[in-house]
Amino acid sequence: MTQGRDGLWVLGYGSLIYKPPPHYTQRIPALIYGFTRRFWQSSIDHRGVPSSPGRVVTLIPYEDVMSDAKYLGDVKQYYQYHDGQFKRDDLTTLGVVYYIPPEYATEVREYLDVREQNGYTLHTVSVHLYPSDSQRVELSESLSHLERDETTGCQVLQTSVYIGTTDPATNEAFVGPECVEDTAKVISTAVGPSGSNYLYLKMLHDSLAAMYRDGEFGGDNSHGRDTYLDVLMDKVNELMK
């Protein structure tokens, strides 16, 4: 989360998409470049228990993908790339940012610190914003200080986000790289204090699909699509028939 001129901006790429933080007044689709979403984070406090951990999402950065052949091999199955080279901007993840008024900033920070435990730490990322026409008018003044990317034409917001890193020294809950079939087996059976692991996956998948279906993401039905998530959803559904 990032304290802006008039309040707090919170970035979500997992459960925050369908279960937003309290007190938000704006929700803007955002594209994250240089990261890919994976269900490679163990969950023993929300969608699993210590004896049977579930799986929740984290973001894998381009630098980690390129430094490990297993990561790169997995990622190349789900992304298109050109000229035989896999570039940083080939990795894209669709998420949302929420605006929190300043009077609720401290409360939301404390809420998220509790919610995003079990291996997650705060990191700063850049996101490309895709506001609706009405939001462009309503937020024109508060977003006026943001620079526009020359390639995408989007305003770029520097914000913080909770990520479960690939470093075992700071994140014992990281389990990847895990093949999608193994992840599907875990998700199909795991249950935790927050409910079934399957429901977590389904709500995330359905929420992202709705953003494209409703034209919420600039009317582009391909940019930022999460093919990995589609494949995982299909495999879990097959197991649960």
C-alpha atoms as a PDB file:
ATOM      1  CA  MET A   1       0.000   0.000   0.000  1.00  0.00           C
ATOM      2  CA  THR A   2       1.162   3.516  -0.678  1.00  0.00           C
ATOM      3  CA  GLN A   3       0.256   6.749   1.043  1.00  0.00           C
ATOM      4  CA  GLY A   4      -0.794   9.138  -1.730  1.00  0.00           C
ATOM      5  CA  ARG A   5      -1.468  12.856  -1.705  1.00  0.00           C
ATOM      6  CA  ASP A   6      -5.023  12.355  -0.493  1.00  0.00           C
ATOM      7  CA  GLY A   7      -5.030   8.900   1.045  1.00  0.00           C
ATOM      8  CA  LEU A   8      -3.859   5.323   0.630  1.00  0.00           C
ATOM      9  CA  TRP A   9      -3.569   3.133  -2.474  1.00  0.00           C
ATOM     10  CA  VAL A  10      -3.728  -0.647  -1.960  1.00  0.00           C
ATOM     11  CA  LEU A  11      -2.800  -3.160  -4.675  1.00  0.00           C
ATOM     12  CA  GLY A  12      -4.444  -6.562  -4.861  1.00  0.00           C
ATOM     13  CA  TYR A  13      -3.697  -9.489  -7.198  1.00  0.00           C
ATOM     14  CA  GLY A  14      -5.275 -12.344  -5.223  1.00  0.00           C
ATOM     15  CA  SER A  15      -8.083 -12.430  -2.679  1.00  0.00           C
ATOM     16  CA  LEU A  16      -8.124  -8.629  -2.431  1.00  0.00           C
ATOM     17  CA  ILE A  17      -9.660  -8.606  -5.911  1.00  0.00           C
ATOM     18  CA  TYR A  18     -12.865 -10.278  -4.718  1.00  0.00           C
ATOM     19  CA  LYS A  19     -12.605  -9.474  -0.994  1.00  0.00           C
ATOM     20  CA  PRO A  20     -11.498  -5.819  -0.938  1.00  0.00           C
ATOM     21  CA  PRO A  21     -10.105  -3.935   2.040  1.00  0.00           C
ATOM     22  CA  PRO A  22     -12.528  -1.907   4.167  1.00  0.00           C
ATOM     23  CA  HIS A  23     -13.331   1.745   3.538  1.00  0.00           C
ATOM     24  CA  TYR A  24     -12.237   1.920  -0.117  1.00  0.00           C
ATOM     25  CA  THR A  25     -13.931   4.510  -2.321  1.00  0.00           C
ATOM     26  CA  GLN A  26     -12.295   3.741  -5.681  1.00  0.00           C
ATOM     27  CA  ARG A  27     -11.353   0.501  -7.424  1.00  0.00           C
ATOM     28  CA  ILE A  28      -9.168   0.735 -10.538  1.00  0.00           C
ATOM     29  CA  PRO A  29      -7.936  -2.171 -12.698  1.00  0.00           C
ATOM     30  CA  ALA A  30      -4.149  -2.188 -12.944  1.00  0.00           C
ATOM     31  CA  LEU A  31      -1.594  -4.102 -14.976  1.00  0.00           C
ATOM     32  CA  ILE A  32       1.632  -5.188 -13.299  1.00  0.00           C
ATOM     33  CA  TYR A  33       4.597  -5.661 -15.627  1.00  0.00           C
ATOM     34  CA  GLY A  34       7.532  -7.938 -14.818  1.00  0.00           C
ATOM     35  CA  PHE A  35       5.620 -10.324 -12.525  1.00  0.00           C
ATOM     36  CA  THR A  36       3.590 -13.487 -12.980  1.00  0.00           C
ATOM     37  CA  ARG A  37       0.921 -14.860 -10.624  1.00  0.00           C
ATOM     38  CA  ARG A  38       1.363 -18.385  -9.272  1.00  0.00           C
ATOM     39  CA  PHE A  39      -0.328 -20.575  -6.652  1.00  0.00           C
ATOM     40  CA  TRP A  40       3.062 -21.358  -5.142  1.00  0.00           C
ATOM     41  CA  GLN A  41       2.461 -20.021  -1.641  1.00  0.00           C
ATOM     42  CA  SER A  42       1.499 -22.442   1.111  1.00  0.00           C
ATOM     43  CA  SER A  43      -1.453 -21.477   3.322  1.00  0.00           C
ATOM     44  CA  ILE A  44      -1.927 -22.828   6.837  1.00  0.00           C
ATOM     45  CA  ASP A  45      -3.951 -19.920   8.246  1.00  0.00           C
ATOM     46  CA  HIS A  46      -6.570 -19.176   5.566  1.00  0.00           C
ATOM     47  CA  ARG A  47      -7.084 -21.907   2.943  1.00  0.00           C
ATOM     48  CA  GLY A  48      -5.391 -24.786   4.713  1.00  0.00           C
ATOM     49  CA  VAL A  49      -4.120 -25.954   8.089  1.00  0.00           C
ATOM     50  CA  PRO A  50      -0.635 -26.990   9.295  1.00  0.00           C
ATOM     51  CA  SER A  51      -1.393 -30.669   8.781  1.00  0.00           C
ATOM     52  CA  SER A  52      -2.807 -30.032   5.289  1.00  0.00           C
ATOM     53  CA  PRO A  53      -1.573 -26.729   3.789  1.00  0.00           C
ATOM     54  CA  GLY A  54      -3.502 -25.128   0.964  1.00  0.00           C
ATOM     55  CA  ARG A  55      -2.225 -22.977  -1.900  1.00  0.00           C
ATOM     56  CA  VAL A  56      -2.651 -19.237  -2.417  1.00  0.00           C
ATOM     57  CA  VAL A  57      -1.161 -16.822  -4.917  1.00  0.00           C
ATOM     58  CA  THR A  58       2.037 -14.850  -4.915  1.00  0.00           C
ATOM     59  CA  LEU A  59       3.909 -12.860  -7.553  1.00  0.00           C
ATOM     60  CA  ILE A  60       7.090 -14.231  -9.135  1.00  0.00           C
ATOM     61  CA  PRO A  61       9.356 -11.456 -10.489  1.00  0.00           C
ATOM     62  CA  TYR A  62      11.033 -11.594 -13.881  1.00  0.00           C
ATOM     63  CA  GLU A  63      14.487 -11.643 -12.293  1.00  0.00           C
ATOM     64  CA  ASP A  64      13.676 -14.836 -10.386  1.00  0.00           C
ATOM     65  CA  VAL A  65      12.143 -16.427 -13.486  1.00  0.00           C
ATOM     66  CA  MET A  66      15.288 -15.779 -15.522  1.00  0.00           C
ATOM     67  CA  SER A  67      17.618 -17.050 -12.797  1.00  0.00           C
ATOM     68  CA  ASP A  68      16.033 -20.496 -12.497  1.00  0.00           C
ATOM     69  CA  ALA A  69      15.466 -22.873 -15.419  1.00  0.00           C
ATOM     70  CA  LYS A  70      12.481 -24.506 -13.679  1.00  0.00           C
ATOM     71  CA  TYR A  71      10.733 -21.157 -13.256  1.00  0.00           C
ATOM     72  CA  LEU A  72      11.456 -20.180 -16.846  1.00  0.00           C
ATOM     73  CA  GLY A  73      10.256 -23.505 -18.195  1.00  0.00           C
ATOM     74  CA  ASP A  74       6.987 -23.181 -16.322  1.00  0.00           C
ATOM     75  CA  VAL A  75       6.382 -19.577 -17.336  1.00  0.00           C
ATOM     76  CA  LYS A  76       7.080 -20.163 -21.027  1.00  0.00           C
ATOM     77  CA  GLN A  77       4.140 -22.565 -21.165  1.00  0.00           C
ATOM     78  CA  TYR A  78       1.694 -19.732 -20.527  1.00  0.00           C
ATOM     79  CA  TYR A  79       3.135 -16.624 -22.180  1.00  0.00           C
ATOM     80  CA  GLN A  80       3.786 -15.558 -25.749  1.00  0.00           C
ATOM     81  CA  TYR A  81       7.202 -14.141 -26.485  1.00  0.00           C
ATOM     82  CA  HIS A  82       8.992 -13.071 -29.641  1.00  0.00           C
ATOM     83  CA  ASP A  83      12.360 -13.479 -31.388  1.00  0.00           C
ATOM     84  CA  GLY A  84      13.334 -16.314 -29.051  1.00  0.00           C
ATOM     85  CA  GLN A  85      13.834 -13.894 -26.173  1.00  0.00           C
ATOM     86  CA  PHE A  86      11.715 -13.695 -23.068  1.00  0.00           C
ATOM     87  CA  LYS A  87      11.613 -10.069 -21.947  1.00  0.00           C
ATOM     88  CA  ARG A  88      10.530  -8.460 -18.708  1.00  0.00           C
ATOM     89  CA  ASP A  89       7.445  -6.845 -20.216  1.00  0.00           C
ATOM     90  CA  ASP A  90       6.286 -10.227 -21.525  1.00  0.00           C
ATOM     91  CA  LEU A  91       5.240 -10.963 -17.939  1.00  0.00           C
ATOM     92  CA  THR A  92       1.965  -9.226 -17.076  1.00  0.00           C
ATOM     93  CA  THR A  93      -0.468  -9.687 -14.215  1.00  0.00           C
ATOM     94  CA  LEU A  94      -3.878  -8.075 -13.923  1.00  0.00           C
ATOM     95  CA  GLY A  95      -4.857  -6.751 -10.500  1.00  0.00           C
ATOM     96  CA  VAL A  96      -6.719  -3.851  -8.926  1.00  0.00           C
ATOM     97  CA  VAL A  97      -5.799  -0.863  -6.788  1.00  0.00           C
ATOM     98  CA  TYR A  98      -8.103   0.535  -4.133  1.00  0.00           C
ATOM     99  CA  TYR A  99      -8.205   4.078  -2.824  1.00  0.00           C
ATOM    100  CA  ILE A 100      -8.534   4.450   0.949  1.00  0.00           C
ATOM    101  CA  PRO A 101      -9.369   7.905   2.378  1.00  0.00           C
ATOM    102  CA  PRO A 102      -6.711   9.290   4.754  1.00  0.00           C
ATOM    103  CA  GLU A 103      -8.863   8.986   7.863  1.00  0.00           C
ATOM    104  CA  TYR A 104      -8.901   5.186   7.452  1.00  0.00           C
ATOM    105  CA  ALA A 105      -5.275   4.698   6.365  1.00  0.00           C
ATOM    106  CA  THR A 106      -3.935   3.456   9.705  1.00  0.00           C
ATOM    107  CA  GLU A 107      -6.870   1.101  10.250  1.00  0.00           C
ATOM    108  CA  VAL A 108      -6.466  -0.476   6.810  1.00  0.00           C
ATOM    109  CA  ARG A 109      -2.709  -0.864   7.261  1.00  0.00           C
ATOM    110  CA  GLU A 110      -3.245  -2.756  10.509  1.00  0.00           C
ATOM    111  CA  TYR A 111      -6.002  -4.870   8.945  1.00  0.00           C
ATOM    112  CA  LEU A 112      -3.786  -5.929   6.044  1.00  0.00           C
ATOM    113  CA  ASP A 113      -0.788  -6.627   8.269  1.00  0.00           C
ATOM    114  CA  VAL A 114      -2.927  -9.248  10.002  1.00  0.00           C
ATOM    115  CA  ARG A 115      -4.591 -10.575   6.858  1.00  0.00           C
ATOM    116  CA  GLU A 116      -1.404 -10.926   4.803  1.00  0.00           C
ATOM    117  CA  GLN A 117       0.673 -13.144   7.078  1.00  0.00           C
ATOM    118  CA  ASN A 118       2.155 -16.631   6.596  1.00  0.00           C
ATOM    119  CA  GLY A 119       5.212 -15.568   4.577  1.00  0.00           C
ATOM    120  CA  TYR A 120       4.104 -12.343   2.893  1.00  0.00           C
ATOM    121  CA  THR A 121       6.239  -9.194   3.072  1.00  0.00           C
ATOM    122  CA  LEU A 122       5.789  -5.683   1.675  1.00  0.00           C
ATOM    123  CA  HIS A 123       7.394  -4.694  -1.636  1.00  0.00           C
ATOM    124  CA  THR A 124       7.128  -1.700  -3.962  1.00  0.00           C
ATOM    125  CA  VAL A 125       5.974  -2.179  -7.565  1.00  0.00           C
ATOM    126  CA  SER A 126       4.818   0.003 -10.440  1.00  0.00           C
ATOM    127  CA  VAL A 127       1.319  -0.528 -11.822  1.00  0.00           C
ATOM    128  CA  HIS A 128      -0.268   0.815 -14.999  1.00  0.00           C
ATOM    129  CA  LEU A 129      -3.738   2.168 -14.243  1.00  0.00           C
ATOM    130  CA  TYR A 130      -6.866   1.552 -16.338  1.00  0.00           C
ATOM    131  CA  PRO A 131      -9.532   3.846 -14.812  1.00  0.00           C
ATOM    132  CA  SER A 132     -13.008   4.105 -16.268  1.00  0.00           C
ATOM    133  CA  ASP A 133     -14.074   7.292 -18.019  1.00  0.00           C
ATOM    134  CA  SER A 134     -15.920   8.471 -14.908  1.00  0.00           C
ATOM    135  CA  GLN A 135     -12.895   7.750 -12.724  1.00  0.00           C
ATOM    136  CA  ARG A 136     -10.638   9.741 -15.042  1.00  0.00           C
ATOM    137  CA  VAL A 137     -12.848  12.754 -14.431  1.00  0.00           C
ATOM    138  CA  GLU A 138     -13.378  12.171 -10.729  1.00  0.00           C
ATOM    139  CA  LEU A 139      -9.717  11.426  -9.985  1.00  0.00           C
ATOM    140  CA  SER A 140      -8.123  13.801 -12.482  1.00  0.00           C
ATOM    141  CA  GLU A 141      -6.715  16.047  -9.764  1.00  0.00           C
ATOM    142  CA  SER A 142      -5.517  13.335  -7.369  1.00  0.00           C
ATOM    143  CA  LEU A 143      -3.807  11.387 -10.188  1.00  0.00           C
ATOM    144  CA  SER A 144      -2.461  14.422 -12.056  1.00  0.00           C
ATOM    145  CA  HIS A 145       1.017  14.034 -10.546  1.00  0.00           C
ATOM    146  CA  LEU A 146       1.475  10.547 -12.066  1.00  0.00           C
ATOM    147  CA  GLU A 147       3.631  10.132 -15.158  1.00  0.00           C
ATOM    148  CA  ARG A 148       2.353   8.324 -18.247  1.00  0.00           C
ATOM    149  CA  ASP A 149       4.166   5.390 -19.775  1.00  0.00           C
ATOM    150  CA  GLU A 150       5.241   6.163 -23.335  1.00  0.00           C
ATOM    151  CA  THR A 151       4.342   2.697 -24.605  1.00  0.00           C
ATOM    152  CA  THR A 152       1.030   1.969 -22.879  1.00  0.00           C
ATOM    153  CA  GLY A 153      -0.161   5.541 -22.429  1.00  0.00           C
ATOM    154  CA  CYS A 154      -1.246   4.610 -18.887  1.00  0.00           C
ATOM    155  CA  GLN A 155      -0.550   6.565 -15.743  1.00  0.00           C
ATOM    156  CA  VAL A 156       1.946   4.688 -13.566  1.00  0.00           C
ATOM    157  CA  LEU A 157       1.455   4.403  -9.818  1.00  0.00           C
ATOM    158  CA  GLN A 158       4.230   3.337  -7.451  1.00  0.00           C
ATOM    159  CA  THR A 159       2.585   1.245  -4.773  1.00  0.00           C
ATOM    160  CA  SER A 160       3.416  -1.370  -2.179  1.00  0.00           C
ATOM    161  CA  VAL A 161       2.107  -4.916  -2.292  1.00  0.00           C
ATOM    162  CA  TYR A 162       2.311  -8.032  -0.170  1.00  0.00           C
ATOM    163  CA  ILE A 163       4.335 -10.760  -1.890  1.00  0.00           C
ATOM    164  CA  GLY A 164       5.514 -14.169  -0.761  1.00  0.00           C
ATOM    165  CA  THR A 165       9.057 -14.134  -2.138  1.00  0.00           C
ATOM    166  CA  THR A 166      11.038 -17.111  -3.409  1.00  0.00           C
ATOM    167  CA  ASP A 167      13.659 -16.581  -0.679  1.00  0.00           C
ATOM    168  CA  PRO A 168      13.375 -19.310   2.004  1.00  0.00           C
ATOM    169  CA  ALA A 169      15.161 -17.054   4.479  1.00  0.00           C
ATOM    170  CA  THR A 170      12.175 -14.685   4.546  1.00  0.00           C
ATOM    171  CA  ASN A 171       9.378 -16.947   3.304  1.00  0.00           C
ATOM    172  CA  GLU A 172       9.191 -20.516   4.566  1.00  0.00           C
ATOM    173  CA  ALA A 173       5.734 -20.847   2.989  1.00  0.00           C
ATOM    174  CA  PHE A 174       6.997 -20.721  -0.599  1.00  0.00           C
ATOM    175  CA  VAL A 175       6.582 -24.133  -2.280  1.00  0.00           C
ATOM    176  CA  GLY A 176       7.249 -23.483  -5.980  1.00  0.00           C
ATOM    177  CA  PRO A 177       8.004 -24.228  -8.649  1.00  0.00           C
ATOM    178  CA  GLU A 178       5.148 -26.716  -8.527  1.00  0.00           C
ATOM    179  CA  CYS A 179       3.581 -28.315 -11.582  1.00  0.00           C
ATOM    180  CA  VAL A 180      -0.015 -27.314 -12.175  1.00  0.00           C
ATOM    181  CA  GLU A 181      -1.271 -30.891 -11.729  1.00  0.00           C
ATOM    182  CA  ASP A 182       0.177 -31.108  -8.210  1.00  0.00           C
ATOM    183  CA  THR A 183      -1.187 -27.691  -7.289  1.00  0.00           C
ATOM    184  CA  ALA A 184      -4.633 -28.730  -8.518  1.00  0.00           C
ATOM    185  CA  LYS A 185      -4.599 -31.835  -6.296  1.00  0.00           C
ATOM    186  CA  VAL A 186      -3.891 -29.711  -3.226  1.00  0.00           C
ATOM    187  CA  ILE A 187      -6.522 -27.085  -4.042  1.00  0.00           C
ATOM    188  CA  SER A 188      -9.212 -29.675  -4.705  1.00  0.00           C
ATOM    189  CA  THR A 189      -9.090 -30.967  -1.118  1.00  0.00           C
ATOM    190  CA  ALA A 190      -7.607 -28.289   1.173  1.00  0.00           C
ATOM    191  CA  VAL A 191      -9.797 -26.398   3.644  1.00  0.00           C
ATOM    192  CA  GLY A 192      -8.808 -23.752   6.172  1.00  0.00           C
ATOM    193  CA  PRO A 193     -10.280 -21.197   8.600  1.00  0.00           C
ATOM    194  CA  SER A 194     -11.303 -18.945   5.688  1.00  0.00           C
ATOM    195  CA  GLY A 195     -12.986 -21.753   3.762  1.00  0.00           C
ATOM    196  CA  SER A 196     -12.144 -24.171   0.974  1.00  0.00           C
ATOM    197  CA  ASN A 197      -9.101 -23.707  -1.184  1.00  0.00           C
ATOM    198  CA  TYR A 198     -11.269 -24.404  -4.221  1.00  0.00           C
ATOM    199  CA  LEU A 199     -13.493 -21.427  -3.426  1.00  0.00           C
ATOM    200  CA  TYR A 200     -10.454 -19.132  -3.198  1.00  0.00           C
ATOM    201  CA  LEU A 201      -9.357 -20.195  -6.687  1.00  0.00           C
ATOM    202  CA  LYS A 202     -12.856 -20.004  -8.158  1.00  0.00           C
ATOM    203  CA  MET A 203     -13.611 -16.542  -6.783  1.00  0.00           C
ATOM    204  CA  LEU A 204     -10.297 -15.207  -8.072  1.00  0.00           C
ATOM    205  CA  HIS A 205     -10.753 -16.799 -11.487  1.00  0.00           C
ATOM    206  CA  ASP A 206     -14.366 -15.625 -11.806  1.00  0.00           C
ATOM    207  CA  SER A 207     -13.527 -12.093 -10.676  1.00  0.00           C
ATOM    208  CA  LEU A 208     -10.788 -11.700 -13.275  1.00  0.00           C
ATOM    209  CA  ALA A 209     -13.005 -13.176 -15.989  1.00  0.00           C
ATOM    210  CA  ALA A 210     -15.739 -10.690 -15.076  1.00  0.00           C
ATOM    211  CA  MET A 211     -13.327  -7.765 -15.429  1.00  0.00           C
ATOM    212  CA  TYR A 212     -12.744  -8.714 -19.063  1.00  0.00           C
ATOM    213  CA  ARG A 213     -16.356  -9.653 -19.758  1.00  0.00           C
ATOM    214  CA  ASP A 214     -17.659  -6.345 -18.436  1.00  0.00           C
ATOM    215  CA  GLY A 215     -15.069  -4.304 -20.331  1.00  0.00           C
ATOM    216  CA  GLU A 216     -13.609  -3.108 -17.035  1.00  0.00           C
ATOM    217  CA  PHE A 217     -10.081  -3.498 -18.348  1.00  0.00           C
ATOM    218  CA  GLY A 218     -10.157  -1.046 -21.225  1.00  0.00           C
ATOM    219  CA  GLY A 219     -12.086  -3.400 -23.477  1.00  0.00           C
ATOM    220  CA  ASP A 220      -8.969  -5.507 -24.213  1.00  0.00           C
ATOM    221  CA  ASN A 221      -9.874  -9.175 -23.845  1.00  0.00           C
ATOM    222  CA  SER A 222      -6.360 -10.581 -24.280  1.00  0.00           C
ATOM    223  CA  HIS A 223      -3.837  -8.240 -22.654  1.00  0.00           C
ATOM    224  CA  GLY A 224      -2.877  -9.530 -19.223  1.00  0.00           C
ATOM    225  CA  ARG A 225      -4.958 -12.702 -19.487  1.00  0.00           C
ATOM    226  CA  ASP A 226      -3.851 -15.350 -16.984  1.00  0.00           C
ATOM    227  CA  THR A 227      -3.628 -18.574 -18.993  1.00  0.00           C
ATOM    228  CA  TYR A 228      -2.010 -20.372 -16.056  1.00  0.00           C
ATOM    229  CA  LEU A 229      -5.055 -19.594 -13.914  1.00  0.00           C
ATOM    230  CA  ASP A 230      -7.411 -20.874 -16.621  1.00  0.00           C
ATOM    231  CA  VAL A 231      -5.508 -24.162 -16.879  1.00  0.00           C
ATOM    232  CA  LEU A 232      -5.403 -24.579 -13.101  1.00  0.00           C
ATOM    233  CA  MET A 233      -9.135 -23.924 -12.806  1.00  0.00           C
ATOM    234  CA  ASP A 234      -9.894 -26.553 -15.461  1.00  0.00           C
ATOM    235  CA  LYS A 235      -7.709 -29.162 -13.776  1.00  0.00           C
ATOM    236  CA  VAL A 236      -9.249 -28.583 -10.338  1.00  0.00           C
ATOM    237  CA  ASN A 237     -12.750 -28.789 -11.815  1.00  0.00           C
ATOM    238  CA  GLU A 238     -11.839 -32.123 -13.419  1.00  0.00           C
ATOM    239  CA  LEU A 239     -10.647 -33.498 -10.083  1.00  0.00           C
ATOM    240  CA  MET A 240     -13.821 -32.392  -8.310  1.00  0.00           C
ATOM    241  CA  LYS A 241     -16.302 -33.967 -10.713  1.00  0.00           C
END
